[in-house]
Amino acid sequence: MVLKCKKCQVHDKLIQSQAVRLGRLKTEHIFKPWSPTMHISSLKEVVSAEEWQLRVDLAACYRLVAAYGWSDLVFTHVSARIPGPEHHFLINPYGLMFDEITASSLVKIDQDCNKLSDSPFPVNPAGFNIHSCIHQAREDAACVLHTHTRAGVAVSAQKCGVLPISQQSTFVLGSLAYHDYEGVALRDDEKPRLQADLGDANYLMLRNHGLLTVGKDIPSAFLAMYIFENTCRIQIDAQAGGELNYVNPAIVAGIGSVMKVATAGLGAALAWPALLRKLDRMDTSYQT
């Protein structure tokens, strides 16, 4: 008989109670007993070069989300579609903090969040519900990034939504959609409404819930979230001051053409290498 430490026992009870509440986690998704040390075998020589690069970029994205303070403990997700006709995806191992995630720890799943390769880590089908329906509806959605930040949820709780009061907000308003809160996103019947509300927008405000961005690749989804998050932070700060000064609607309407000139449509491609250098100065283990 193996005696577990008190910390392990408490951990096991928490996980079991969580699985019961969700009612969606299959037996194989439940955590194994907590271990203070994780030994993750590298998949670099196991997967294709294309998939490995996607893994490195997605792991970097998770680390950057943590570095910028957008994470919500182990909750929320960033998903990336693996190129090919199979509709396979990479997602975070459920239970790891975002600053622990590595390229090899990411889990490969199908559209229904079934694991497609051996992994010691669980996945969260309930958490992938929002992501799966967006990937399904949007062929261009190579990456979907969802957050529960304080500023994001605060603005999502305001009837006015995003206000045109900053340069950042004009970038968001050019491709913004809203989806009303229907409770924890567990039901399949919500998917068609979410897909319809998103349409072809790249920014989605989930009312009373948080923020979501869609990108043609991981860098694009990350940069969009950086702008979305700062838009919300600026709005909350500005509302604490005096009377707001609104941007001319004509400027908001023409922001698409302005952005094409300002960054030649390559904003994410310009920022991503710099973000990786920033991350490398902090910790390179995401690449393993």
Foldseek 3Di string as FASTA:
>chain_A
DDDDDPVQVVVLVVQVVVCVVLVPDDPLQGADGDDPDDDFDDCCVPDDVQLLVQLLLQLLLLLVCVVVPFADFQDAWKKFFRDDDQQKIWIAQRPDRSNVAASRQIFIAHLQRDTDDDHNGHDDSLNCLQVSLQVVLDVLQRMKGWTQDPLFLVLLQDPVRQAQQDPLSLVQVLFEFEDEDPDRRRDNVCSVVSSVRNPVGQWYRYRNGGIMGGHSGSLRRSVNVVSVSVSSVVVVVVVVDDDTDHDDVVCSNPVVVVVCVVCVPCVSVVCVVVSVVVVVVVPSRNSD
